[in-house]
Amino acid sequence: MLTSAPNTFTAEGRARRALPVEEVLRWCLRDELPKRRRDQPIKAPPTASMHPMWRGGIFGGRIDCWSREPGMPLAMGDPHPDALLIEAEILALDAAIKRAAEAREPLPLNLDGYRIGYRLGRETRANQIAYNAVLEACGWLITHAVKGKRPSLDETVHCEQEIGPNGKVVLWRMVSTPAGVDAQGHPLFLTAPQRAASKGDARDAGLYCRLVWGRDHNDVAEDRARYATEHAALCYLADRLGHLTSLKVTPPRAPAAPWLSGPTEPATVRPSLVPMNDDLAPAKVATLPPRKRTPEPVRHIDPAVYAAAA
C-alpha cells in the first residue's frame, strides 16, 4: 500500500507517474502542446486585380494556414494543464537566459562542473564555447525533445588533405633562394613553400601536401558544451517541476559528462605495426639448387688465317 507523501498523489487520489525529465518534455512538446488550435494564416492586403470571391476565401470560406503542419483533431481535446505548466517553465528559462545575455543578471545554467575543456589543451576556447551554448539552450532542448534523441557527442578529431578549387590535392615544395652572404662569407638562403605540380617521375622528390583539420579540439568542445547545456537545463527543469499534478519528474536519465568517465591515459599513436610481428617465426622458403652451366667449347684461332695477324 502506498503511503501518503507530499506531491505523491493527484487530486483524484491516483499516484503520480514518475518519469525522467526527458520523457516529460517529449510528452509535453510532441503529444500535448500541438493540440492547441491557434490558426494564424498569412495575411496580405488585397490588390485591385483580385476577384472578390478569392479575396474572401475559396467559396466565401476562410483560407487555412499553410505555413505550419495541420494540428490535431478537435476530438483530442485541449492540452493537459501540466503541459502548460511545463511550457511556462521553459519560457521562463529562455527569458532568464536572454536577460543574462543583456548582462542584467547571471546565467541560470552553470557549466563549470562539466569541465568542457577536459584533456583538450589550453588553446581550446572552452569558456566562450560554453557561454555560446548556454544562450541556445532552449532551442536545442526543444529540438532534441521533439526528436526524442540526445545531442551528438563525438570525441574524435581528424585531419584531411588540402584540396584546391579543382578538387585535387594541393602539392607544395620548399624552395630556397640565395639571399647574399653573412659576415663570415657563408651563403644565406630564404626558404619558403611554393605551389608545385606532380610530374609523375623523379622530379616529384620533395613534394608534400598540407593537412587541414576537418574536426579539431574546438569542435569536440562544442559537442560537449551542447550536451552539458542540455543536461544542465534538464536538471534545472526537473527541480522546478515538482508541482505537477499528474507527473512526478525525476532527474535526467542521461549521464552528466561521459567524457570524464573515459580512459585516464591519453591515446597514443603506434608508429609502426612491424615490431609487433618480430616474435613470429620467419617463413620457410624452399631453396633451389644452383643451375648447372654448360662449359663453352675452346676456340683456337690459327694465326695463318687470322686477318689481323702481321
Foldseek 3Di string as FASTA:
>chain_A
DDDDDPLQAFPVGHGFAEDALLLVLLCLLAPFQLQDDDWDADDDDDDPPDDPCPVCHPNNDDDTHPPDDDGDDCVVPHGDPLSVVLVVVLVVLLVQLVCVVVVNDPRPFDLPVQPLCVPQDPPAPLPVLLNVLLNCLSVVLNVCSNVVHAQDADPDWDKDWDADPVRHGWKKAWDWDWDAADPVRHTDIDIDIDTDDDPPDPVCPRIDTDIDIPGGSNNNSNSQSNRLSNLRVSQVSLVVSSPDRRHNYDHHPDDNHVVVVDDPDDDDDDPDPVVVCPPPDDDDDDDDDDDDDDDDDDDDDDLVPDPPRD
